């Protein structure tokens, strides 16, 4: 029932921008927290940004001031606007929902973001 489909990734030069979208099943939005994660080769998946049902927002220190997370409940979509991209932002980006006591335990294919120097 729960499905999350990421899109919007691509190849950009340093300093460029991308907007990622996460299309979610309606049931996801009874979750009180939606997050964007990323995983670079050889590194652990990390939480980049999260937004709650009360529109409380948190960002990883590495992306503060550059990334903006938002949601459109009517469209069952969560966005991640990424500006001033850096090569170290290169990763596969995933979205997920905090359900009950943990993040949903199935991860989608993600969307690849590659930032060239």
N, C-alpha and C. Protein backbone atom coordinates (compact mmCIF):
# COMPACT_ATOMS: atom_id res chain seq x y z
N UNK A 1 0.82 -1.20 0.00
CA UNK A 1 0.00 0.00 0.00
C UNK A 1 0.86 1.26 0.00
N UNK A 2 1.94 1.25 0.77
CA UNK A 2 2.81 2.41 0.86
C UNK A 2 3.79 2.37 -0.31
N UNK A 3 3.78 3.42 -1.11
CA UNK A 3 4.69 3.55 -2.22
C UNK A 3 5.23 4.96 -2.28
N UNK A 4 6.52 5.07 -2.50
CA UNK A 4 7.20 6.34 -2.63
C UNK A 4 8.04 6.30 -3.89
N UNK A 5 7.82 7.25 -4.78
CA UNK A 5 8.51 7.29 -6.05
C UNK A 5 9.21 8.62 -6.19
N UNK A 6 10.54 8.57 -6.25
CA UNK A 6 11.35 9.77 -6.35
C UNK A 6 11.63 10.10 -7.82
N UNK A 7 11.74 11.38 -8.11
CA UNK A 7 12.08 11.82 -9.45
C UNK A 7 12.74 13.19 -9.37
N UNK A 8 13.32 13.61 -10.48
CA UNK A 8 13.87 14.95 -10.59
C UNK A 8 15.38 15.04 -10.54
N UNK A 9 16.05 13.92 -10.31
CA UNK A 9 17.49 13.95 -10.27
C UNK A 9 18.10 14.18 -11.65
N UNK A 10 19.39 14.37 -11.65
CA UNK A 10 20.08 14.60 -12.90
C UNK A 10 21.52 15.00 -12.67
N UNK A 11 22.14 15.44 -13.74
CA UNK A 11 23.53 15.88 -13.72
C UNK A 11 23.58 17.39 -13.83
N UNK A 12 24.23 18.03 -12.87
CA UNK A 12 24.37 19.48 -12.89
C UNK A 12 25.79 19.85 -12.50
N UNK A 13 26.18 21.05 -12.89
CA UNK A 13 27.46 21.58 -12.47
C UNK A 13 27.36 22.18 -11.07
N UNK A 14 28.48 22.24 -10.39
CA UNK A 14 28.51 22.88 -9.08
C UNK A 14 27.90 24.28 -9.17
N UNK A 15 27.08 24.60 -8.18
CA UNK A 15 26.38 25.87 -8.16
C UNK A 15 25.00 25.82 -8.78
N UNK A 16 24.67 24.74 -9.44
CA UNK A 16 23.39 24.60 -10.08
C UNK A 16 22.30 24.17 -9.12
N UNK A 17 21.11 23.95 -9.68
CA UNK A 17 19.93 23.62 -8.88
C UNK A 17 19.18 22.45 -9.47
N UNK A 18 18.50 21.72 -8.60
CA UNK A 18 17.58 20.66 -8.98
C UNK A 18 16.41 20.68 -8.02
N UNK A 19 15.26 20.23 -8.49
CA UNK A 19 14.10 20.06 -7.63
C UNK A 19 13.66 18.61 -7.69
N UNK A 20 13.73 17.94 -6.56
CA UNK A 20 13.31 16.56 -6.46
C UNK A 20 11.85 16.47 -6.01
N UNK A 21 11.17 15.46 -6.50
CA UNK A 21 9.79 15.22 -6.11
C UNK A 21 9.65 13.82 -5.57
N UNK A 22 8.80 13.67 -4.59
CA UNK A 22 8.47 12.38 -3.99
C UNK A 22 6.96 12.21 -4.07
N UNK A 23 6.53 11.34 -4.95
CA UNK A 23 5.11 11.03 -5.08
C UNK A 23 4.77 9.87 -4.15
N UNK A 24 3.87 10.10 -3.24
CA UNK A 24 3.56 9.14 -2.20
C UNK A 24 2.11 8.69 -2.27
N UNK A 25 1.87 7.49 -1.80
CA UNK A 25 0.50 7.03 -1.62
C UNK A 25 -0.17 7.87 -0.54
N UNK A 26 -1.49 7.98 -0.64
CA UNK A 26 -2.20 8.84 0.30
C UNK A 26 -1.98 8.45 1.75
N UNK A 27 -1.82 7.16 2.00
CA UNK A 27 -1.66 6.71 3.37
C UNK A 27 -0.40 7.24 4.03
N UNK A 28 0.59 7.60 3.23
CA UNK A 28 1.84 8.13 3.78
C UNK A 28 1.59 9.40 4.58
N UNK A 29 0.61 10.18 4.17
CA UNK A 29 0.41 11.47 4.78
C UNK A 29 -0.37 11.42 6.09
N UNK A 30 -0.66 10.22 6.58
CA UNK A 30 -1.03 10.11 7.98
C UNK A 30 0.20 9.94 8.86
N UNK A 31 1.37 9.85 8.24
CA UNK A 31 2.62 9.91 8.97
C UNK A 31 2.86 11.34 9.44
N UNK A 32 3.49 11.48 10.59
CA UNK A 32 3.76 12.82 11.09
C UNK A 32 5.11 13.37 10.65
N UNK A 33 5.85 12.59 9.85
CA UNK A 33 7.15 13.06 9.41
C UNK A 33 7.55 12.40 8.10
N UNK A 34 7.95 13.21 7.14
CA UNK A 34 8.46 12.75 5.85
C UNK A 34 9.88 13.27 5.71
N UNK A 35 10.78 12.42 5.23
CA UNK A 35 12.16 12.82 5.12
C UNK A 35 12.76 12.54 3.76
N UNK A 36 13.74 13.34 3.41
CA UNK A 36 14.61 13.07 2.27
C UNK A 36 15.94 12.57 2.80
N UNK A 37 16.40 11.47 2.23
CA UNK A 37 17.68 10.87 2.58
C UNK A 37 18.57 10.84 1.35
N UNK A 38 19.84 10.64 1.57
CA UNK A 38 20.75 10.42 0.46
C UNK A 38 21.81 9.41 0.86
N UNK A 39 22.33 8.73 -0.14
CA UNK A 39 23.39 7.77 0.08
C UNK A 39 24.39 7.85 -1.06
N UNK A 40 25.60 8.19 -0.70
CA UNK A 40 26.69 8.23 -1.65
C UNK A 40 27.41 6.89 -1.65
N UNK A 41 28.09 6.54 -2.74
CA UNK A 41 28.79 5.26 -2.79
C UNK A 41 29.75 5.09 -1.62
N UNK A 42 29.67 3.95 -0.97
CA UNK A 42 30.56 3.65 0.13
C UNK A 42 30.22 4.34 1.43
N UNK A 43 29.12 5.08 1.47
CA UNK A 43 28.74 5.80 2.68
C UNK A 43 27.37 5.36 3.16
N UNK A 44 27.11 5.60 4.43
CA UNK A 44 25.83 5.26 5.02
C UNK A 44 24.76 6.25 4.58
N UNK A 45 23.55 5.76 4.46
CA UNK A 45 22.44 6.64 4.14
C UNK A 45 22.25 7.66 5.27
N UNK A 46 22.03 8.91 4.90
CA UNK A 46 21.86 9.96 5.88
C UNK A 46 20.59 10.76 5.62
N UNK A 47 20.02 11.26 6.69
CA UNK A 47 18.85 12.12 6.59
C UNK A 47 19.30 13.52 6.20
N UNK A 48 18.70 14.05 5.16
CA UNK A 48 19.05 15.37 4.65
C UNK A 48 18.09 16.43 5.15
N UNK A 49 16.80 16.15 5.09
CA UNK A 49 15.78 17.10 5.48
C UNK A 49 14.52 16.35 5.86
N UNK A 50 13.73 16.92 6.74
CA UNK A 50 12.48 16.30 7.16
C UNK A 50 11.45 17.37 7.42
N UNK A 51 10.20 17.00 7.24
CA UNK A 51 9.09 17.91 7.48
C UNK A 51 7.99 17.13 8.19
N UNK A 52 7.38 17.74 9.20
CA UNK A 52 6.33 17.09 9.97
C UNK A 52 4.97 17.55 9.49
N UNK A 53 3.94 16.88 10.01
CA UNK A 53 2.58 17.26 9.70
C UNK A 53 2.24 18.66 10.20
N UNK A 54 2.99 19.14 11.18
CA UNK A 54 2.84 20.50 11.68
C UNK A 54 3.76 21.48 10.96
N UNK A 55 4.37 21.03 9.86
CA UNK A 55 5.27 21.86 9.06
C UNK A 55 6.51 22.29 9.82
N UNK A 56 6.91 21.49 10.78
CA UNK A 56 8.21 21.67 11.40
C UNK A 56 9.26 21.07 10.47
N UNK A 57 10.35 21.78 10.27
CA UNK A 57 11.34 21.40 9.28
C UNK A 57 12.72 21.34 9.92
N UNK A 58 13.47 20.33 9.55
CA UNK A 58 14.85 20.19 9.99
C UNK A 58 15.73 19.85 8.79
N UNK A 59 16.96 20.35 8.82
CA UNK A 59 17.93 20.07 7.78
C UNK A 59 19.23 19.59 8.39
N UNK A 60 19.91 18.75 7.65
CA UNK A 60 21.28 18.44 8.01
C UNK A 60 22.13 19.70 7.90
N UNK A 61 23.11 19.81 8.77
CA UNK A 61 23.96 21.00 8.75
C UNK A 61 24.59 21.23 7.38
N UNK A 62 24.89 20.17 6.68
CA UNK A 62 25.58 20.28 5.41
C UNK A 62 24.74 20.93 4.31
N UNK A 63 23.42 20.99 4.50
CA UNK A 63 22.56 21.54 3.45
C UNK A 63 21.78 22.76 3.89
N UNK A 64 21.92 23.17 5.14
CA UNK A 64 21.20 24.34 5.62
C UNK A 64 21.54 25.56 4.78
N UNK A 65 20.50 26.30 4.42
CA UNK A 65 20.67 27.48 3.61
C UNK A 65 20.71 27.22 2.13
N UNK A 66 20.79 25.96 1.74
CA UNK A 66 20.86 25.61 0.32
C UNK A 66 19.66 24.79 -0.15
N UNK A 67 19.15 23.92 0.72
CA UNK A 67 18.04 23.04 0.36
C UNK A 67 16.77 23.49 1.07
N UNK A 68 15.63 23.27 0.42
CA UNK A 68 14.33 23.58 1.00
C UNK A 68 13.39 22.41 0.79
N UNK A 69 12.83 21.90 1.87
CA UNK A 69 11.85 20.83 1.80
C UNK A 69 10.45 21.44 1.93
N UNK A 70 9.51 20.90 1.18
CA UNK A 70 8.13 21.36 1.26
C UNK A 70 7.21 20.20 0.91
N UNK A 71 5.94 20.37 1.19
CA UNK A 71 4.97 19.32 0.89
C UNK A 71 3.69 19.92 0.38
N UNK A 72 3.01 19.16 -0.46
CA UNK A 72 1.70 19.52 -0.97
C UNK A 72 0.80 18.32 -0.70
N UNK A 73 0.04 18.40 0.37
CA UNK A 73 -0.77 17.26 0.77
C UNK A 73 -1.83 16.91 -0.27
N UNK A 74 -2.38 17.91 -0.94
CA UNK A 74 -3.39 17.66 -1.95
C UNK A 74 -2.85 16.82 -3.09
N UNK A 75 -1.57 16.97 -3.38
CA UNK A 75 -0.93 16.21 -4.45
C UNK A 75 -0.16 15.00 -3.94
N UNK A 76 -0.18 14.79 -2.63
CA UNK A 76 0.57 13.69 -2.02
C UNK A 76 2.03 13.71 -2.49
N UNK A 77 2.62 14.88 -2.45
CA UNK A 77 3.96 15.07 -2.97
C UNK A 77 4.80 15.88 -2.00
N UNK A 78 6.04 15.45 -1.83
CA UNK A 78 7.02 16.18 -1.05
C UNK A 78 8.15 16.58 -1.99
N UNK A 79 8.63 17.80 -1.84
CA UNK A 79 9.66 18.33 -2.73
C UNK A 79 10.94 18.62 -1.96
N UNK A 80 12.03 18.58 -2.68
CA UNK A 80 13.30 19.03 -2.15
C UNK A 80 13.95 19.93 -3.20
N UNK A 81 13.91 21.22 -2.94
CA UNK A 81 14.58 22.18 -3.81
C UNK A 81 16.03 22.28 -3.37
N UNK A 82 16.94 22.02 -4.29
CA UNK A 82 18.35 22.00 -3.98
C UNK A 82 19.04 23.08 -4.80
N UNK A 83 19.60 24.06 -4.12
CA UNK A 83 20.32 25.15 -4.75
C UNK A 83 21.78 25.12 -4.34
N UNK A 84 22.59 25.83 -5.08
CA UNK A 84 24.02 25.93 -4.78
C UNK A 84 24.64 24.56 -4.56
N UNK A 85 24.34 23.66 -5.47
CA UNK A 85 24.79 22.28 -5.32
C UNK A 85 26.31 22.17 -5.35
N UNK A 86 26.81 21.24 -4.56
CA UNK A 86 28.23 20.98 -4.44
C UNK A 86 28.51 19.54 -4.86
N UNK A 87 29.73 19.25 -5.29
CA UNK A 87 30.05 17.87 -5.65
C UNK A 87 29.76 16.88 -4.52
N UNK A 88 29.93 17.29 -3.29
CA UNK A 88 29.66 16.40 -2.17
C UNK A 88 28.18 16.10 -1.97
N UNK A 89 27.31 16.78 -2.71
CA UNK A 89 25.89 16.45 -2.70
C UNK A 89 25.57 15.26 -3.60
N UNK A 90 26.53 14.81 -4.36
CA UNK A 90 26.32 13.68 -5.26
C UNK A 90 25.91 12.45 -4.47
N UNK A 91 24.78 11.86 -4.82
CA UNK A 91 24.25 10.71 -4.10
C UNK A 91 22.97 10.27 -4.77
N UNK A 92 22.48 9.12 -4.34
CA UNK A 92 21.12 8.72 -4.66
C UNK A 92 20.22 9.26 -3.55
N UNK A 93 19.17 9.95 -3.93
CA UNK A 93 18.27 10.57 -2.98
C UNK A 93 16.98 9.77 -2.88
N UNK A 94 16.54 9.55 -1.65
CA UNK A 94 15.34 8.78 -1.36
C UNK A 94 14.42 9.60 -0.46
N UNK A 95 13.14 9.33 -0.55
CA UNK A 95 12.22 9.86 0.44
C UNK A 95 11.64 8.71 1.25
N UNK A 96 11.21 9.02 2.45
CA UNK A 96 10.64 8.00 3.30
C UNK A 96 9.71 8.65 4.32
N UNK A 97 8.91 7.83 4.94
CA UNK A 97 7.93 8.29 5.93
C UNK A 97 8.19 7.62 7.26
N UNK A 98 8.09 8.41 8.32
CA UNK A 98 8.19 7.86 9.66
C UNK A 98 6.81 7.36 10.06
N UNK A 99 6.71 6.06 10.25
CA UNK A 99 5.44 5.42 10.54
C UNK A 99 5.57 4.66 11.85
N UNK A 100 4.73 5.01 12.80
CA UNK A 100 4.80 4.38 14.10
C UNK A 100 6.06 4.79 14.84
N UNK A 101 6.99 3.85 14.93
CA UNK A 101 8.21 4.09 15.69
C UNK A 101 9.48 4.07 14.85
N UNK A 102 9.34 4.03 13.53
CA UNK A 102 10.53 3.96 12.69
C UNK A 102 10.22 4.45 11.29
N UNK A 103 11.27 4.68 10.51
CA UNK A 103 11.10 4.95 9.10
C UNK A 103 10.63 3.68 8.41
N UNK A 104 9.78 3.86 7.40
CA UNK A 104 9.28 2.74 6.63
C UNK A 104 10.46 1.90 6.15
N UNK A 105 10.34 0.59 6.29
CA UNK A 105 11.49 -0.27 6.12
C UNK A 105 11.76 -0.72 4.69
N UNK A 106 11.04 -0.16 3.73
CA UNK A 106 11.31 -0.44 2.33
C UNK A 106 11.71 0.85 1.63
N UNK A 107 12.80 0.78 0.90
CA UNK A 107 13.33 1.92 0.18
C UNK A 107 13.11 1.74 -1.32
N UNK A 108 12.74 2.81 -1.98
CA UNK A 108 12.54 2.77 -3.41
C UNK A 108 13.84 2.82 -4.17
N UNK A 109 13.73 3.04 -5.45
CA UNK A 109 14.90 3.09 -6.31
C UNK A 109 15.70 4.38 -6.11
N UNK A 110 15.04 5.41 -5.66
CA UNK A 110 15.70 6.69 -5.48
C UNK A 110 15.91 7.40 -6.81
N UNK A 111 16.49 8.59 -6.71
CA UNK A 111 16.82 9.35 -7.91
C UNK A 111 18.25 9.86 -7.78
N UNK A 112 19.02 9.67 -8.83
CA UNK A 112 20.44 9.98 -8.81
C UNK A 112 20.67 11.47 -9.02
N UNK A 113 21.45 12.06 -8.14
CA UNK A 113 21.90 13.44 -8.28
C UNK A 113 23.41 13.42 -8.42
N UNK A 114 23.91 13.97 -9.50
CA UNK A 114 25.34 14.04 -9.72
C UNK A 114 25.73 15.49 -9.96
N UNK A 115 26.68 15.97 -9.17
CA UNK A 115 27.13 17.35 -9.26
C UNK A 115 28.60 17.33 -9.67
N UNK A 116 28.89 17.90 -10.80
CA UNK A 116 30.25 17.93 -11.30
C UNK A 116 30.98 19.15 -10.78
N UNK A 117 32.29 19.04 -10.68
CA UNK A 117 33.10 20.12 -10.17
C UNK A 117 33.41 21.14 -11.25
